[in-house]
Amino acid sequence: MSTEKTVWGAAAATGIGSMPGEDAREAARTVTGTLEAFPFLAELPARGPGADMTGRTVGLLAELYAHLEPSGWRISDRPGRDTRRARSWMGEDLDALEEFAQGDTGGPRALKVSAVGPWTLAATLERRGGEAVLGDAGACRDVTASLTEGLRAHLADVRRRVPGARPVLQLDEPLLTAVLLGRVPTASGYRSHGAVDRAVAEGALREVTAACEAEGVPVVVHSCAPRPPFGLLRRAGVTGVSFDTGLLTESEDDAIGEAVEAGTVLFAGVVPGAGPPEGGLSDPAGSVSGVRSLWRRLGLSPALLAESVVVTPACGMAGASPAYAREALAHCVRAARSLADDPE
């Protein structure tokens, strides 16, 4: 595993994306102050439509627009107030990041930004008739192409605003497993969309990943759902897979081991996102004990642990208190150091 590929270095910790509250400057101050080596562009869904996960990504799409209906985001012919609001929220977040991420070296070593991945976007974005994009193969291809072009422009903007930063793109794919298993309901709720062929799903992810990698931007796919498809994501060329360690089962060990041996980095979600566990967050080493146990089961070298694992919360922290969100991020940093200091 090359250090060029893992631009965040060893013993790293970062967040997932969402943070509590509506103050972009306070969120940026917290993230950059706590995660000095690997901060992220915070999302603040409490601000309302356009700051939500899907709406935020809609604002990034190239030559594809959407507006908000009671049922969710729906494709439009032209940009309207909902798209403009999503872009405005993003601009506010980038302004705050630009203010607080500047350091003596001109910016952080690594900086993670997030967008909804092509399959969760296809499952949550509606066509003009009200059904999900997921039900139309051609529409899925169009959305993937628009997302790819929009992300190129977004990443260029991040680099312009934070000189010296090395962006890392996180694709949020909480519905990817449901898409692959045919468990995404139709608008009526009486049936589900058919399962997407795994080769098709892999191809769309590879399209986005390859475009970003060509610009020198590693791609991480995040899913806080059970059974992330580690093998599919590895074949799609992602640099890392982000997941909730509490949802793993030993049946996934082989796929995880193959991914790690192929160079995939594990973004291990070990800290609850919504609030502290029983007993609080007093033991960083205990928080990553499950990661160590996984490593032993896989028979991997302890020396690889610190550079093969990034410590994160299990999911976003929009529902947490500001105090807990700060505590959880700081705890992730301490837990990552624990892995590096004592991998066994």
Foldseek 3Di string as FASTA:
>chain_A
DDCLQVLLDFLAAEAFAEAADDDLLVVLQLQCVQRVSEGEQHQYCVVDQLSDQLNLLQLLFDCWHWDADPLGTETDNDHDPSSVVNVVSVVNSLVSNLVNQQDPQQGHSEYEYEHAALPVNQLGYHYPVGKGNLQPPVSSVVRLVRSLVSVVVVVVVSCVSRPNYQYAYEHECQCLVCLQCQNRAIPVRPGTRGRDPLVSVLVSLLVNQVSQVVVVYAYEYEHAHADDPLQSVLVSPHQEYEYELVRDDVVCLVSVLVSVVSRYAYAYAQAAQQAADVVGLDDLQVSCVSVLVSCVVSVHDLQCSRVRYYYYHRHHNRNHDNVRVSVRSNSSSVNSVVSNVDVD
